[in-house]
Amino acid sequence: MRKRPDRCIILDEWITHVILHPEKTEIQADGRIRKWAYIPEEDKFLRVILLEDGETIHNAFFDRSFKENWQ
């Protein structure tokens, strides 16, 4: 997935930031964990999906549908 043009710009430190400092966290029905955080350098929200263990990264992408005022 990292080779896709829309994802190759995602830095490891941004993924780490989302995991450690999410602005929102949700548990999916399948047990996977979704986390979002704002990435100022890209002016976008990054969504990171972790497996049920809470450590293994399943996916990471800029979420165009996530709203900044989600609360």
PDB file of N, CA and C in Angstrom:
ATOM      1  N   MET A   1       0.819  -1.206   0.000  1.00  0.00           N
ATOM      2  CA  MET A   1       0.000   0.000   0.000  1.00  0.00           C
ATOM      3  C   MET A   1       0.858   1.263   0.000  1.00  0.00           C
ATOM      4  N   ARG A   2       2.020   1.195   0.605  1.00  0.00           N
ATOM      5  CA  ARG A   2       2.868   2.390   0.702  1.00  0.00           C
ATOM      6  C   ARG A   2       3.348   2.860  -0.664  1.00  0.00           C
ATOM      7  N   LYS A   3       3.272   2.017  -1.675  1.00  0.00           N
ATOM      8  CA  LYS A   3       3.739   2.395  -3.007  1.00  0.00           C
ATOM      9  C   LYS A   3       2.684   3.175  -3.793  1.00  0.00           C
ATOM     10  N   ARG A   4       1.444   3.170  -3.311  1.00  0.00           N
ATOM     11  CA  ARG A   4       0.402   3.932  -3.998  1.00  0.00           C
ATOM     12  C   ARG A   4       0.741   5.409  -3.947  1.00  0.00           C
ATOM     13  N   PRO A   5       0.522   6.146  -5.024  1.00  0.00           N
ATOM     14  CA  PRO A   5       0.891   7.569  -5.064  1.00  0.00           C
ATOM     15  C   PRO A   5       0.246   8.408  -3.963  1.00  0.00           C
ATOM     16  N   ASP A   6      -0.986   8.065  -3.588  1.00  0.00           N
ATOM     17  CA  ASP A   6      -1.674   8.853  -2.571  1.00  0.00           C
ATOM     18  C   ASP A   6      -1.206   8.516  -1.157  1.00  0.00           C
ATOM     19  N   ARG A   7      -0.415   7.455  -1.010  1.00  0.00           N
ATOM     20  CA  ARG A   7       0.018   7.041   0.328  1.00  0.00           C
ATOM     21  C   ARG A   7       1.520   7.096   0.523  1.00  0.00           C
ATOM     22  N   CYS A   8       2.278   7.232  -0.542  1.00  0.00           N
ATOM     23  CA  CYS A   8       3.733   7.232  -0.409  1.00  0.00           C
ATOM     24  C   CYS A   8       4.244   8.469   0.329  1.00  0.00           C
ATOM     25  N   ILE A   9       3.439   9.513   0.414  1.00  0.00           N
ATOM     26  CA  ILE A   9       3.874  10.724   1.125  1.00  0.00           C
ATOM     27  C   ILE A   9       3.632  10.647   2.630  1.00  0.00           C
ATOM     28  N   ILE A  10       2.932   9.621   3.093  1.00  0.00           N
ATOM     29  CA  ILE A  10       2.631   9.503   4.523  1.00  0.00           C
ATOM     30  C   ILE A  10       3.893   9.085   5.270  1.00  0.00           C
ATOM     31  N   LEU A  11       4.312   9.923   6.189  1.00  0.00           N
ATOM     32  CA  LEU A  11       5.534   9.663   6.949  1.00  0.00           C
ATOM     33  C   LEU A  11       5.254   8.769   8.156  1.00  0.00           C
ATOM     34  N   ASP A  12       6.242   7.961   8.510  1.00  0.00           N
ATOM     35  CA  ASP A  12       6.111   7.084   9.677  1.00  0.00           C
ATOM     36  C   ASP A  12       5.829   7.881  10.944  1.00  0.00           C
ATOM     37  N   GLU A  13       6.442   9.049  11.075  1.00  0.00           N
ATOM     38  CA  GLU A  13       6.231   9.856  12.287  1.00  0.00           C
ATOM     39  C   GLU A  13       4.794  10.377  12.383  1.00  0.00           C
ATOM     40  N   TRP A  14       4.143  10.584  11.245  1.00  0.00           N
ATOM     41  CA  TRP A  14       2.737  10.991  11.274  1.00  0.00           C
ATOM     42  C   TRP A  14       1.872   9.836  11.777  1.00  0.00           C
ATOM     43  N   ILE A  15       2.170   8.625  11.317  1.00  0.00           N
ATOM     44  CA  ILE A  15       1.427   7.454  11.772  1.00  0.00           C
ATOM     45  C   ILE A  15       1.603   7.276  13.277  1.00  0.00           C
ATOM     46  N   THR A  16       2.825   7.411  13.755  1.00  0.00           N
ATOM     47  CA  THR A  16       3.106   7.305  15.188  1.00  0.00           C
ATOM     48  C   THR A  16       2.339   8.366  15.965  1.00  0.00           C
ATOM     49  N   HIS A  17       2.307   9.585  15.435  1.00  0.00           N
ATOM     50  CA  HIS A  17       1.574  10.675  16.092  1.00  0.00           C
ATOM     51  C   HIS A  17       0.093  10.322  16.240  1.00  0.00           C
ATOM     52  N   VAL A  18      -0.501   9.795  15.179  1.00  0.00           N
ATOM     53  CA  VAL A  18      -1.921   9.436  15.221  1.00  0.00           C
ATOM     54  C   VAL A  18      -2.158   8.354  16.272  1.00  0.00           C
ATOM     55  N   ILE A  19      -1.295   7.356  16.309  1.00  0.00           N
ATOM     56  CA  ILE A  19      -1.461   6.259  17.268  1.00  0.00           C
ATOM     57  C   ILE A  19      -1.353   6.767  18.706  1.00  0.00           C
ATOM     58  N   LEU A  20      -0.387   7.638  18.964  1.00  0.00           N
ATOM     59  CA  LEU A  20      -0.140   8.110  20.334  1.00  0.00           C
ATOM     60  C   LEU A  20      -1.033   9.273  20.760  1.00  0.00           C
ATOM     61  N   HIS A  21      -1.483  10.079  19.797  1.00  0.00           N
ATOM     62  CA  HIS A  21      -2.252  11.296  20.118  1.00  0.00           C
ATOM     63  C   HIS A  21      -3.475  11.448  19.211  1.00  0.00           C
ATOM     64  N   PRO A  22      -4.356  10.467  19.189  1.00  0.00           N
ATOM     65  CA  PRO A  22      -5.522  10.571  18.307  1.00  0.00           C
ATOM     66  C   PRO A  22      -6.501  11.641  18.787  1.00  0.00           C
ATOM     67  N   GLU A  23      -7.146  12.279  17.827  1.00  0.00           N
ATOM     68  CA  GLU A  23      -8.216  13.225  18.160  1.00  0.00           C
ATOM     69  C   GLU A  23      -9.549  12.489  18.280  1.00  0.00           C
ATOM     70  N   LYS A  24      -9.603  11.301  17.674  1.00  0.00           N
ATOM     71  CA  LYS A  24     -10.793  10.458  17.779  1.00  0.00           C
ATOM     72  C   LYS A  24     -10.361   9.012  17.617  1.00  0.00           C
ATOM     73  N   THR A  25     -11.021   8.125  18.351  1.00  0.00           N
ATOM     74  CA  THR A  25     -10.763   6.686  18.266  1.00  0.00           C
ATOM     75  C   THR A  25     -12.096   5.961  18.213  1.00  0.00           C
ATOM     76  N   GLU A  26     -12.181   4.964  17.347  1.00  0.00           N
ATOM     77  CA  GLU A  26     -13.384   4.123  17.238  1.00  0.00           C
ATOM     78  C   GLU A  26     -12.956   2.674  17.127  1.00  0.00           C
ATOM     79  N   ILE A  27     -13.766   1.791  17.681  1.00  0.00           N
ATOM     80  CA  ILE A  27     -13.568   0.352  17.524  1.00  0.00           C
ATOM     81  C   ILE A  27     -14.568  -0.141  16.486  1.00  0.00           C
ATOM     82  N   GLN A  28     -14.081  -0.781  15.447  1.00  0.00           N
ATOM     83  CA  GLN A  28     -14.950  -1.328  14.414  1.00  0.00           C
ATOM     84  C   GLN A  28     -15.606  -2.616  14.917  1.00  0.00           C
ATOM     85  N   ALA A  29     -16.644  -3.049  14.233  1.00  0.00           N
ATOM     86  CA  ALA A  29     -17.355  -4.277  14.589  1.00  0.00           C
ATOM     87  C   ALA A  29     -16.426  -5.494  14.558  1.00  0.00           C
ATOM     88  N   ASP A  30     -15.418  -5.462  13.688  1.00  0.00           N
ATOM     89  CA  ASP A  30     -14.487  -6.589  13.587  1.00  0.00           C
ATOM     90  C   ASP A  30     -13.339  -6.506  14.594  1.00  0.00           C
ATOM     91  N   GLY A  31     -13.365  -5.492  15.463  1.00  0.00           N
ATOM     92  CA  GLY A  31     -12.347  -5.340  16.495  1.00  0.00           C
ATOM     93  C   GLY A  31     -11.180  -4.457  16.111  1.00  0.00           C
ATOM     94  N   ARG A  32     -11.081  -4.104  14.849  1.00  0.00           N
ATOM     95  CA  ARG A  32     -10.005  -3.196  14.439  1.00  0.00           C
ATOM     96  C   ARG A  32     -10.255  -1.818  15.033  1.00  0.00           C
ATOM     97  N   ILE A  33      -9.173  -1.069  15.196  1.00  0.00           N
ATOM     98  CA  ILE A  33      -9.235   0.225  15.877  1.00  0.00           C
ATOM     99  C   ILE A  33      -8.905   1.329  14.877  1.00  0.00           C
ATOM    100  N   ARG A  34      -9.804   2.289  14.752  1.00  0.00           N
ATOM    101  CA  ARG A  34      -9.590   3.454  13.886  1.00  0.00           C
ATOM    102  C   ARG A  34      -9.153   4.627  14.744  1.00  0.00           C
ATOM    103  N   LYS A  35      -8.132   5.346  14.287  1.00  0.00           N
ATOM    104  CA  LYS A  35      -7.674   6.543  14.979  1.00  0.00           C
ATOM    105  C   LYS A  35      -7.440   7.632  13.944  1.00  0.00           C
ATOM    106  N   TRP A  36      -7.801   8.859  14.330  1.00  0.00           N
ATOM    107  CA  TRP A  36      -7.607  10.019  13.462  1.00  0.00           C
ATOM    108  C   TRP A  36      -6.830  11.101  14.198  1.00  0.00           C
ATOM    109  N   ALA A  37      -6.028  11.839  13.446  1.00  0.00           N
ATOM    110  CA  ALA A  37      -5.382  13.042  13.968  1.00  0.00           C
ATOM    111  C   ALA A  37      -5.084  13.965  12.792  1.00  0.00           C
ATOM    112  N   TYR A  38      -5.055  15.247  13.099  1.00  0.00           N
ATOM    113  CA  TYR A  38      -4.783  16.262  12.089  1.00  0.00           C
ATOM    114  C   TYR A  38      -3.282  16.340  11.833  1.00  0.00           C
ATOM    115  N   ILE A  39      -2.918  16.398  10.557  1.00  0.00           N
ATOM    116  CA  ILE A  39      -1.521  16.537  10.143  1.00  0.00           C
ATOM    117  C   ILE A  39      -1.377  17.917   9.511  1.00  0.00           C
ATOM    118  N   PRO A  40      -0.842  18.887  10.263  1.00  0.00           N
ATOM    119  CA  PRO A  40      -0.775  20.268   9.763  1.00  0.00           C
ATOM    120  C   PRO A  40       0.020  20.423   8.460  1.00  0.00           C
ATOM    121  N   GLU A  41       1.085  19.639   8.298  1.00  0.00           N
ATOM    122  CA  GLU A  41       1.911  19.758   7.090  1.00  0.00           C
ATOM    123  C   GLU A  41       1.120  19.471   5.818  1.00  0.00           C
ATOM    124  N   GLU A  42       0.089  18.658   5.937  1.00  0.00           N
ATOM    125  CA  GLU A  42      -0.740  18.314   4.783  1.00  0.00           C
ATOM    126  C   GLU A  42      -2.118  18.974   4.831  1.00  0.00           C
ATOM    127  N   ASP A  43      -2.444  19.597   5.958  1.00  0.00           N
ATOM    128  CA  ASP A  43      -3.753  20.218   6.179  1.00  0.00           C
ATOM    129  C   ASP A  43      -4.872  19.192   5.960  1.00  0.00           C
ATOM    130  N   LYS A  44      -4.630  17.971   6.490  1.00  0.00           N
ATOM    131  CA  LYS A  44      -5.594  16.876   6.340  1.00  0.00           C
ATOM    132  C   LYS A  44      -5.588  16.034   7.611  1.00  0.00           C
ATOM    133  N   PHE A  45      -6.633  15.212   7.747  1.00  0.00           N
ATOM    134  CA  PHE A  45      -6.699  14.245   8.831  1.00  0.00           C
ATOM    135  C   PHE A  45      -6.206  12.899   8.319  1.00  0.00           C
ATOM    136  N   LEU A  46      -5.340  12.276   9.100  1.00  0.00           N
ATOM    137  CA  LEU A  46      -4.818  10.960   8.772  1.00  0.00           C
ATOM    138  C   LEU A  46      -5.575   9.921   9.593  1.00  0.00           C
ATOM    139  N   ARG A  47      -6.075   8.887   8.935  1.00  0.00           N
ATOM    140  CA  ARG A  47      -6.730   7.773   9.637  1.00  0.00           C
ATOM    141  C   ARG A  47      -5.759   6.602   9.633  1.00  0.00           C
ATOM    142  N   VAL A  48      -5.554   6.040  10.810  1.00  0.00           N
ATOM    143  CA  VAL A  48      -4.731   4.846  10.963  1.00  0.00           C
ATOM    144  C   VAL A  48      -5.638   3.752  11.509  1.00  0.00           C
ATOM    145  N   ILE A  49      -5.590   2.596  10.875  1.00  0.00           N
ATOM    146  CA  ILE A  49      -6.380   1.455  11.330  1.00  0.00           C
ATOM    147  C   ILE A  49      -5.420   0.407  11.875  1.00  0.00           C
ATOM    148  N   LEU A  50      -5.651   0.044  13.130  1.00  0.00           N
ATOM    149  CA  LEU A  50      -4.832  -0.958  13.799  1.00  0.00           C
ATOM    150  C   LEU A  50      -5.614  -2.260  13.900  1.00  0.00           C
ATOM    151  N   LEU A  51      -4.899  -3.371  13.925  1.00  0.00           N
ATOM    152  CA  LEU A  51      -5.559  -4.648  14.164  1.00  0.00           C
ATOM    153  C   LEU A  51      -5.998  -4.720  15.612  1.00  0.00           C
ATOM    154  N   GLU A  52      -6.708  -5.784  15.950  1.00  0.00           N
ATOM    155  CA  GLU A  52      -7.297  -5.943  17.278  1.00  0.00           C
ATOM    156  C   GLU A  52      -6.271  -5.861  18.402  1.00  0.00           C
ATOM    157  N   ASP A  53      -5.009  -6.190  18.102  1.00  0.00           N
ATOM    158  CA  ASP A  53      -3.971  -6.152  19.141  1.00  0.00           C
ATOM    159  C   ASP A  53      -3.596  -4.729  19.543  1.00  0.00           C
ATOM    160  N   GLY A  54      -4.071  -3.738  18.785  1.00  0.00           N
ATOM    161  CA  GLY A  54      -3.799  -2.341  19.102  1.00  0.00           C
ATOM    162  C   GLY A  54      -2.399  -1.882  18.748  1.00  0.00           C
ATOM    163  N   GLU A  55      -1.619  -2.728  18.098  1.00  0.00           N
ATOM    164  CA  GLU A  55      -0.235  -2.390  17.756  1.00  0.00           C
ATOM    165  C   GLU A  55       0.071  -2.527  16.261  1.00  0.00           C
ATOM    166  N   THR A  56      -0.492  -3.550  15.638  1.00  0.00           N
ATOM    167  CA  THR A  56      -0.200  -3.825  14.238  1.00  0.00           C
ATOM    168  C   THR A  56      -0.984  -2.887  13.335  1.00  0.00           C
ATOM    169  N   ILE A  57      -0.270  -2.168  12.472  1.00  0.00           N
ATOM    170  CA  ILE A  57      -0.912  -1.219  11.555  1.00  0.00           C
ATOM    171  C   ILE A  57      -1.468  -1.988  10.360  1.00  0.00           C
ATOM    172  N   HIS A  58      -2.751  -1.829  10.145  1.00  0.00           N
ATOM    173  CA  HIS A  58      -3.421  -2.462   9.014  1.00  0.00           C
ATOM    174  C   HIS A  58      -3.431  -1.529   7.803  1.00  0.00           C
ATOM    175  N   ASN A  59      -3.645  -0.230   8.051  1.00  0.00           N
ATOM    176  CA  ASN A  59      -3.803   0.718   6.958  1.00  0.00           C
ATOM    177  C   ASN A  59      -3.600   2.133   7.489  1.00  0.00           C
ATOM    178  N   ALA A  60      -3.234   3.042   6.616  1.00  0.00           N
ATOM    179  CA  ALA A  60      -3.127   4.466   6.955  1.00  0.00           C
ATOM    180  C   ALA A  60      -3.377   5.270   5.690  1.00  0.00           C
ATOM    181  N   PHE A  61      -4.239   6.278   5.810  1.00  0.00           N
ATOM    182  CA  PHE A  61      -4.554   7.102   4.649  1.00  0.00           C
ATOM    183  C   PHE A  61      -5.152   8.424   5.103  1.00  0.00           C
ATOM    184  N   PHE A  62      -5.073   9.420   4.223  1.00  0.00           N
ATOM    185  CA  PHE A  62      -5.719  10.692   4.502  1.00  0.00           C
ATOM    186  C   PHE A  62      -7.211  10.529   4.260  1.00  0.00           C
ATOM    187  N   ASP A  63      -7.991  10.882   5.265  1.00  0.00           N
ATOM    188  CA  ASP A  63      -9.433  10.651   5.246  1.00  0.00           C
ATOM    189  C   ASP A  63     -10.149  11.925   4.815  1.00  0.00           C
ATOM    190  N   ARG A  64     -10.543  11.979   3.554  1.00  0.00           N
ATOM    191  CA  ARG A  64     -11.208  13.175   3.020  1.00  0.00           C
ATOM    192  C   ARG A  64     -12.589  13.382   3.607  1.00  0.00           C
ATOM    193  N   SER A  65     -13.209  12.323   4.104  1.00  0.00           N
ATOM    194  CA  SER A  65     -14.565  12.452   4.620  1.00  0.00           C
ATOM    195  C   SER A  65     -14.608  12.829   6.103  1.00  0.00           C
ATOM    196  N   PHE A  66     -13.464  12.791   6.784  1.00  0.00           N
ATOM    197  CA  PHE A  66     -13.447  13.130   8.214  1.00  0.00           C
ATOM    198  C   PHE A  66     -13.599  14.633   8.373  1.00  0.00           C
ATOM    199  N   LYS A  67     -14.480  15.025   9.263  1.00  0.00           N
ATOM    200  CA  LYS A  67     -14.750  16.444   9.494  1.00  0.00           C
ATOM    201  C   LYS A  67     -13.974  16.942  10.692  1.00  0.00           C
ATOM    202  N   GLU A  68     -13.371  18.088  10.548  1.00  0.00           N
ATOM    203  CA  GLU A  68     -12.563  18.657  11.623  1.00  0.00           C
ATOM    204  C   GLU A  68     -13.380  18.856  12.873  1.00  0.00           C
ATOM    205  N   ASN A  69     -14.631  19.264  12.739  1.00  0.00           N
ATOM    206  CA  ASN A  69     -15.498  19.485  13.888  1.00  0.00           C
ATOM    207  C   ASN A  69     -16.354  18.266  14.146  1.00  0.00           C
ATOM    208  N   TRP A  70     -15.726  17.129  14.381  1.00  0.00           N
ATOM    209  CA  TRP A  70     -16.414  15.852  14.525  1.00  0.00           C
ATOM    210  C   TRP A  70     -17.144  15.723  15.845  1.00  0.00           C
ATOM    211  N   GLN A  71     -16.827  16.531  16.821  1.00  0.00           N
ATOM    212  CA  GLN A  71     -17.444  16.382  18.144  1.00  0.00           C
ATOM    213  C   GLN A  71     -18.880  16.832  18.142  1.00  0.00           C
TER     214      GLN A  71
END
